[in-house]
Amino acid sequence: MTQAGQDFSISKLAYDEGQHPLRCSDAHIRATFAESLFRELIAHPRFQRLKDVRFLGAIDYAVSANGRPLHTRQTRFDHSIGVGLLAQWYADEAGFADSERYLLVSSALLHDIGHAPLSHSLETVFKEAFGIDHHIATIDTIRERKAKSESISSILQKYSVDPEAVIATLSNKAGQYAPLLLGKFNLDTLDAIPRSMTYISKQLLTSPSKVVMRAAHFNAGSRQDALDSFWSQKDLVYQRLINGALGVQFDRNAQDFMREHIANFSRADFFASEVDLRRSHPQLFSRLAQPRWDTITLAAKRYLIDRDQPSDEKRYLIVREPITISFEKRPKELLVEDPESPRLFRDDIQIRSN
């Protein structure tokens, strides 16, 4: 029977040693990524820019993640560090030689370095108008050569890591590391889904990322329970958040604004920070919360489980279902436990009220 999983409990799933943090302190980053290669990549201005690129894009200006302290934003920097941390753990458990570990962890750290301000929210319009998306921008950034400052490619080459091997690792669905970076239970998703869940629930509803990584790639622990729980959580994230009323509303408003003012944008804006974007287009941010439709219909992704199937390929399904979102009433808060009206980040109130 094919269905969306509804059991999010982890009472029977054991926690593993080494919790996967959603935000690492500078001291933790220095301790975890001790090699000079990783430190130099993280310190690079292109990587540091990700501190000012919201993880979920426009919807980050509607709801807050429920980390500690409250109103803590998730960023593409935090996510990239998290994926790099999972890659470190994988390389350690797999017993990788330094050359293999350098390639895998570098690829994990750099996988989102090409994200635009507002993340995926504006990417559709950038692709329409300027032929660029975060995959293209990531490749361009890794290949970029600068005469006056050290580039990502020169850092990699200094430590005998081929930039083209990094690009191939991030792009090749049939390569050695494809299941790790492009498969159904890839390291990117294993960080992204629990991180997204902080916008929906105050409680951890699935096993930690490291447990799922070990279950998926080392057949460790209560494998099927861990993977089923994670896949159900992913379905919930897409229903409540990505394809929820607020997520769709804020994304569409951002995209409509950019299309209407495309003459004021350029390809270079893809590599800007959100501070720059807010400074140059304040009207974009003040418009995000304005509902301007009665309904919206879209083909939404669902992540379903066929519990009669033992193999991962047939058990964990990705399908598209048409859904219609009504905006007759203001969308409710995303929180599972507390359906109240949307909360603003404190420092966004001024921008949204202008």
Protein backbone atom coordinates (compact mmCIF):
# COMPACT_ATOMS: atom_id res chain seq x y z
CA MET A 1 0.00 0.00 0.00
CA THR A 2 1.44 3.35 -1.04
CA GLN A 3 0.95 6.10 1.48
CA ALA A 4 2.51 9.08 3.14
CA GLY A 5 4.04 8.04 6.42
CA GLN A 6 2.33 9.48 9.46
CA ASP A 7 4.38 8.01 12.31
CA PHE A 8 6.99 10.62 13.17
CA SER A 9 7.85 9.20 16.59
CA ILE A 10 11.46 8.33 17.32
CA SER A 11 10.81 6.67 20.66
CA LYS A 12 12.16 3.35 19.36
CA LEU A 13 15.06 4.88 17.43
CA ALA A 14 18.28 5.18 19.38
CA TYR A 15 20.29 8.37 19.31
CA ASP A 16 23.82 7.99 18.07
CA GLU A 17 26.90 9.58 19.54
CA GLY A 18 27.83 12.90 18.00
CA GLN A 19 24.72 15.01 17.58
CA HIS A 20 24.35 16.93 14.34
CA PRO A 21 24.00 20.62 15.24
CA LEU A 22 21.92 23.00 13.17
CA ARG A 23 24.30 25.83 13.93
CA CYS A 24 28.00 25.37 14.72
CA SER A 25 29.98 27.88 16.73
CA ASP A 26 33.21 29.22 15.25
CA ALA A 27 35.14 27.11 17.76
CA HIS A 28 33.25 23.98 16.71
CA ILE A 29 33.90 24.72 13.03
CA ARG A 30 37.62 25.20 13.67
CA ALA A 31 37.78 21.96 15.66
CA THR A 32 35.73 19.94 13.18
CA PHE A 33 37.40 21.22 10.01
CA ALA A 34 40.93 21.29 11.33
CA GLU A 35 42.75 20.85 8.02
CA SER A 36 43.96 24.04 6.33
CA LEU A 37 42.13 23.15 3.10
CA PHE A 38 38.72 23.22 4.77
CA ARG A 39 39.51 26.28 6.88
CA GLU A 40 40.58 28.23 3.81
CA LEU A 41 37.48 27.22 1.86
CA ILE A 42 35.20 28.25 4.74
CA ALA A 43 37.07 31.55 5.21
CA HIS A 44 36.78 32.46 1.52
CA PRO A 45 34.52 35.50 0.85
CA ARG A 46 32.34 33.44 -1.49
CA PHE A 47 31.65 30.96 1.30
CA GLN A 48 31.23 33.65 3.96
CA ARG A 49 28.61 35.32 1.74
CA LEU A 50 26.34 32.36 2.52
CA LYS A 51 25.92 33.71 6.05
CA ASP A 52 23.66 36.32 4.46
CA VAL A 53 21.65 33.97 2.24
CA ARG A 54 18.57 32.61 4.01
CA PHE A 55 18.22 28.84 3.95
CA LEU A 56 14.59 28.74 2.76
CA GLY A 57 14.52 32.05 0.95
CA ALA A 58 11.54 34.38 1.06
CA ILE A 59 9.60 32.36 3.63
CA ASP A 60 12.36 33.11 6.13
CA TYR A 61 10.81 36.57 6.30
CA ALA A 62 7.48 35.10 7.40
CA VAL A 63 8.28 32.46 10.00
CA SER A 64 11.18 31.79 12.30
CA ALA A 65 13.03 28.59 12.94
CA ASN A 66 12.58 27.34 16.46
CA GLY A 67 16.18 26.86 17.42
CA ARG A 68 17.75 28.35 20.51
CA PRO A 69 17.50 31.26 20.87
CA LEU A 70 14.07 31.75 19.33
CA HIS A 71 14.07 33.69 16.05
CA THR A 72 17.39 32.16 15.00
CA ARG A 73 17.57 32.10 11.21
CA GLN A 74 18.93 29.21 9.23
CA THR A 75 21.33 30.18 6.45
CA ARG A 76 23.01 28.50 3.51
CA PHE A 77 26.26 28.86 5.48
CA ASP A 78 24.85 26.81 8.37
CA HIS A 79 23.51 24.23 5.93
CA SER A 80 26.81 23.95 4.04
CA ILE A 81 28.70 23.43 7.29
CA GLY A 82 26.14 20.78 8.27
CA VAL A 83 26.55 18.87 5.00
CA GLY A 84 30.32 19.11 5.36
CA LEU A 85 30.07 17.69 8.86
CA LEU A 86 28.08 14.69 7.61
CA ALA A 87 30.70 14.17 4.90
CA GLN A 88 33.41 14.17 7.57
CA TRP A 89 31.55 11.53 9.55
CA TYR A 90 31.00 9.42 6.44
CA ALA A 91 34.66 9.61 5.42
CA ASP A 92 35.76 8.64 8.93
CA GLU A 93 33.41 5.64 9.10
CA ALA A 94 34.32 4.53 5.57
CA GLY A 95 38.03 4.78 6.36
CA PHE A 96 38.78 7.10 3.46
CA ALA A 97 42.32 8.04 2.61
CA ASP A 98 43.09 11.75 2.88
CA SER A 99 42.79 12.29 -0.87
CA GLU A 100 39.28 10.78 -0.94
CA ARG A 101 38.22 12.64 2.19
CA TYR A 102 39.51 15.96 0.86
CA LEU A 103 37.48 15.53 -2.34
CA LEU A 104 34.26 14.45 -0.61
CA VAL A 105 34.30 17.03 2.19
CA SER A 106 35.32 19.86 -0.16
CA SER A 107 32.46 18.92 -2.48
CA ALA A 108 30.02 18.84 0.44
CA LEU A 109 31.13 22.23 1.73
CA LEU A 110 30.94 23.81 -1.72
CA HIS A 111 27.71 22.22 -2.97
CA ASP A 112 25.61 25.37 -2.34
CA ILE A 113 28.23 28.07 -2.80
CA GLY A 114 26.38 29.36 -5.87
CA HIS A 115 23.06 30.10 -4.15
CA ALA A 116 21.44 33.46 -4.91
CA PRO A 117 19.98 35.84 -2.31
CA LEU A 118 16.57 34.54 -1.22
CA SER A 119 17.88 31.12 -2.19
CA HIS A 120 15.42 29.17 -4.40
CA SER A 121 12.72 31.85 -4.28
CA LEU A 122 14.20 34.01 -7.06
CA GLU A 123 16.15 31.33 -8.89
CA THR A 124 13.36 30.59 -11.40
CA VAL A 125 13.38 34.19 -12.62
CA PHE A 126 17.17 34.42 -12.71
CA LYS A 127 17.15 31.31 -14.93
CA GLU A 128 14.48 32.79 -17.21
CA ALA A 129 16.14 36.18 -17.57
CA PHE A 130 19.86 35.49 -17.28
CA GLY A 131 20.30 31.75 -17.82
CA ILE A 132 21.76 31.10 -14.39
CA ASP A 133 20.79 28.88 -11.46
CA HIS A 134 22.64 27.73 -8.35
CA HIS A 135 24.13 24.70 -10.15
CA ILE A 136 25.61 26.89 -12.89
CA ALA A 137 26.72 29.50 -10.36
CA THR A 138 28.37 26.84 -8.20
CA ILE A 139 30.38 25.55 -11.16
CA ASP A 140 31.31 29.10 -12.18
CA THR A 141 32.45 29.88 -8.62
CA ILE A 142 34.57 26.74 -8.34
CA ARG A 143 36.20 27.44 -11.71
CA GLU A 144 36.59 31.17 -11.11
CA ARG A 145 40.13 32.55 -11.31
CA LYS A 146 41.06 35.92 -9.82
CA ALA A 147 44.30 37.72 -10.39
CA LYS A 148 44.16 39.84 -7.23
CA SER A 149 42.82 37.36 -4.70
CA GLU A 150 42.99 33.65 -4.07
CA SER A 151 40.17 31.77 -5.76
CA ILE A 152 38.32 28.63 -4.71
CA SER A 153 40.06 26.73 -7.50
CA SER A 154 43.53 27.87 -6.39
CA ILE A 155 42.82 26.79 -2.79
CA LEU A 156 41.74 23.35 -3.98
CA GLN A 157 44.74 22.96 -6.25
CA LYS A 158 47.11 24.02 -3.47
CA TYR A 159 46.02 20.91 -1.56
CA SER A 160 46.04 18.63 -4.64
CA VAL A 161 42.27 18.59 -5.06
CA ASP A 162 41.21 18.91 -8.71
CA PRO A 163 38.44 21.55 -9.06
CA GLU A 164 37.03 19.59 -12.01
CA ALA A 165 36.81 16.49 -9.80
CA VAL A 166 34.78 18.52 -7.30
CA ILE A 167 32.45 19.67 -10.07
CA ALA A 168 32.10 16.11 -11.35
CA THR A 169 31.33 14.89 -7.84
CA LEU A 170 28.57 17.46 -7.50
CA SER A 171 27.16 16.81 -10.97
CA ASN A 172 27.66 13.16 -11.90
CA LYS A 173 24.62 11.09 -10.94
CA ALA A 174 26.46 7.91 -11.91
CA GLY A 175 29.76 8.66 -10.18
CA GLN A 176 31.38 7.05 -7.15
CA TYR A 177 29.83 9.50 -4.70
CA ALA A 178 26.46 9.85 -6.45
CA PRO A 179 24.45 8.11 -3.69
CA LEU A 180 26.06 10.40 -1.12
CA LEU A 181 25.42 13.69 -2.87
CA LEU A 182 22.64 12.97 -5.38
CA GLY A 183 20.75 9.88 -4.16
CA LYS A 184 17.45 9.74 -2.27
CA PHE A 185 19.22 9.82 1.09
CA ASN A 186 22.00 12.19 0.10
CA LEU A 187 23.96 14.18 2.67
CA ASP A 188 22.46 17.46 1.43
CA THR A 189 18.92 16.24 2.17
CA LEU A 190 19.91 14.59 5.45
CA ASP A 191 20.87 18.03 6.73
CA ALA A 192 18.17 20.03 4.94
CA ILE A 193 15.06 18.18 6.10
CA PRO A 194 15.70 18.27 9.88
CA ARG A 195 16.78 21.89 9.43
CA SER A 196 13.52 22.66 7.60
CA MET A 197 11.54 20.94 10.33
CA THR A 198 12.66 23.60 12.80
CA TYR A 199 10.23 25.92 11.00
CA ILE A 200 7.36 23.50 11.61
CA SER A 201 7.82 21.79 14.94
CA LYS A 202 9.48 22.49 18.26
CA GLN A 203 10.17 18.77 18.64
CA LEU A 204 12.59 16.50 16.79
CA LEU A 205 10.30 14.17 14.85
CA THR A 206 12.80 11.79 13.35
CA SER A 207 16.15 10.23 14.16
CA PRO A 208 19.21 12.49 13.97
CA SER A 209 20.95 13.05 10.64
CA LYS A 210 23.92 10.90 11.57
CA VAL A 211 21.64 7.97 12.42
CA VAL A 212 19.88 8.22 9.04
CA MET A 213 23.22 8.58 7.24
CA ARG A 214 24.52 5.41 8.91
CA ALA A 215 21.27 3.58 8.20
CA ALA A 216 21.19 4.59 4.52
CA HIS A 217 24.86 4.15 3.66
CA PHE A 218 26.19 1.63 6.21
CA ASN A 219 23.03 -0.48 6.85
CA ALA A 220 23.39 0.35 10.53
CA GLY A 221 20.81 0.38 13.32
CA SER A 222 17.07 0.05 12.79
CA ARG A 223 17.53 0.86 9.12
CA GLN A 224 13.98 0.71 7.78
CA ASP A 225 12.52 2.53 10.78
CA ALA A 226 15.05 5.34 10.40
CA LEU A 227 14.56 5.71 6.64
CA ASP A 228 10.75 5.49 6.85
CA SER A 229 10.68 8.14 9.55
CA PHE A 230 12.96 10.44 7.55
CA TRP A 231 10.96 10.02 4.31
CA SER A 232 7.72 10.80 6.15
CA GLN A 233 9.32 13.90 7.61
CA LYS A 234 10.40 15.00 4.14
CA ASP A 235 6.81 14.66 2.91
CA LEU A 236 5.62 16.81 5.82
CA VAL A 237 8.20 19.52 5.03
CA TYR A 238 7.00 19.74 1.44
CA GLN A 239 3.32 19.77 2.40
CA ARG A 240 3.53 22.28 5.24
CA LEU A 241 6.47 24.42 4.21
CA ILE A 242 7.67 24.26 0.60
CA ASN A 243 4.21 23.82 -0.92
CA GLY A 244 2.29 25.28 2.01
CA ALA A 245 0.26 28.46 1.66
CA LEU A 246 2.88 30.76 3.16
CA GLY A 247 5.76 29.21 1.25
CA VAL A 248 3.96 29.48 -2.09
CA GLN A 249 2.69 32.99 -1.33
CA PHE A 250 6.08 34.41 -0.41
CA ASP A 251 7.88 32.68 -3.30
CA ARG A 252 5.32 33.86 -5.88
CA ASN A 253 5.37 37.42 -4.57
CA ALA A 254 9.16 37.52 -4.78
CA GLN A 255 9.15 36.10 -8.32
CA ASP A 256 6.39 38.40 -9.54
CA PHE A 257 8.23 41.45 -8.20
CA MET A 258 11.46 40.46 -9.95
CA ARG A 259 9.69 39.84 -13.26
CA GLU A 260 7.97 43.22 -13.07
CA HIS A 261 11.26 45.01 -12.29
CA ILE A 262 13.63 42.84 -14.29
CA ALA A 263 15.25 45.91 -15.89
CA ASN A 264 16.65 46.77 -12.45
CA PHE A 265 18.26 43.35 -11.97
CA SER A 266 21.37 41.85 -13.54
CA ARG A 267 23.18 38.53 -13.62
CA ALA A 268 25.61 39.94 -11.04
CA ASP A 269 22.77 40.15 -8.51
CA PHE A 270 22.83 36.36 -8.33
CA PHE A 271 26.10 36.63 -6.40
CA ALA A 272 24.93 39.42 -4.07
CA SER A 273 24.04 39.11 -0.40
CA GLU A 274 20.56 39.62 1.00
CA VAL A 275 21.72 42.80 2.70
CA ASP A 276 22.56 44.12 -0.77
CA LEU A 277 19.24 42.90 -2.14
CA ARG A 278 17.27 44.50 0.69
CA ARG A 279 19.15 47.75 0.15
CA SER A 280 18.57 47.87 -3.61
CA HIS A 281 15.01 46.46 -3.64
CA PRO A 282 13.27 47.30 -0.35
CA GLN A 283 9.87 47.12 -2.07
CA LEU A 284 10.49 43.44 -2.75
CA PHE A 285 10.56 42.66 0.95
CA SER A 286 7.60 44.85 1.86
CA ARG A 287 5.53 43.06 -0.78
CA LEU A 288 6.26 39.49 0.27
CA ALA A 289 3.31 39.15 2.65
CA GLN A 290 0.64 40.63 0.36
CA PRO A 291 -1.86 37.93 -0.72
CA ARG A 292 -2.88 38.80 -4.28
CA TRP A 293 -4.70 35.68 -5.46
CA ASP A 294 -7.88 33.80 -4.62
CA THR A 295 -6.31 30.42 -5.36
CA ILE A 296 -3.13 28.94 -6.80
CA THR A 297 -2.88 25.50 -8.43
CA LEU A 298 0.44 23.71 -8.72
CA ALA A 299 1.95 20.25 -9.12
CA ALA A 300 3.32 19.50 -5.69
CA LYS A 301 5.92 16.87 -4.84
CA ARG A 302 4.91 14.13 -2.42
CA TYR A 303 7.31 11.71 -0.76
CA LEU A 304 5.38 8.47 -0.27
CA ILE A 305 6.23 5.06 1.13
CA ASP A 306 5.12 1.79 -0.42
CA ARG A 307 5.38 -0.30 2.71
CA ASP A 308 4.96 -3.55 0.78
CA GLN A 309 8.25 -2.98 -1.05
CA PRO A 310 11.57 -3.93 0.62
CA SER A 311 13.98 -2.21 -1.80
CA ASP A 312 14.79 1.48 -1.36
CA GLU A 313 14.18 2.22 -5.04
CA LYS A 314 10.58 0.94 -4.99
CA ARG A 315 9.75 1.71 -1.37
CA TYR A 316 10.58 5.45 -1.31
CA LEU A 317 8.57 7.18 -4.02
CA ILE A 318 8.55 10.72 -5.39
CA VAL A 319 5.33 11.70 -7.15
CA ARG A 320 3.64 14.92 -8.22
CA GLU A 321 0.08 15.69 -7.22
CA PRO A 322 -2.00 18.69 -8.32
CA ILE A 323 -3.01 20.82 -5.34
CA THR A 324 -5.01 24.02 -5.04
CA ILE A 325 -4.21 26.54 -2.31
CA SER A 326 -6.93 28.95 -1.23
CA PHE A 327 -6.03 32.44 -0.01
CA GLU A 328 -9.54 33.40 1.10
CA LYS A 329 -8.24 33.37 4.65
CA ARG A 330 -4.79 34.39 5.83
CA PRO A 331 -2.56 31.28 5.98
CA LYS A 332 -2.08 29.89 9.44
CA GLU A 333 1.18 29.57 11.31
CA LEU A 334 3.25 26.58 10.22
CA LEU A 335 3.87 25.19 13.68
CA VAL A 336 2.39 21.76 14.22
CA GLU A 337 1.74 22.37 17.91
CA ASP A 338 0.64 25.99 17.88
CA PRO A 339 -1.41 27.20 14.86
CA GLU A 340 -1.24 30.95 15.39
CA SER A 341 -0.75 33.83 12.96
CA PRO A 342 2.70 34.19 11.34
CA ARG A 343 5.46 35.78 13.36
CA LEU A 344 7.97 38.23 11.99
CA PHE A 345 11.63 38.31 12.78
CA ARG A 346 12.17 41.33 15.00
CA ASP A 347 14.65 42.99 12.68
CA ASP A 348 12.36 42.55 9.65
CA ILE A 349 9.40 44.44 11.13
CA GLN A 350 10.75 47.82 10.01
CA ILE A 351 11.40 46.65 6.45
CA ARG A 352 8.01 44.99 6.11
CA SER A 353 6.19 48.09 7.43
CA ASN A 354 7.76 50.53 4.98
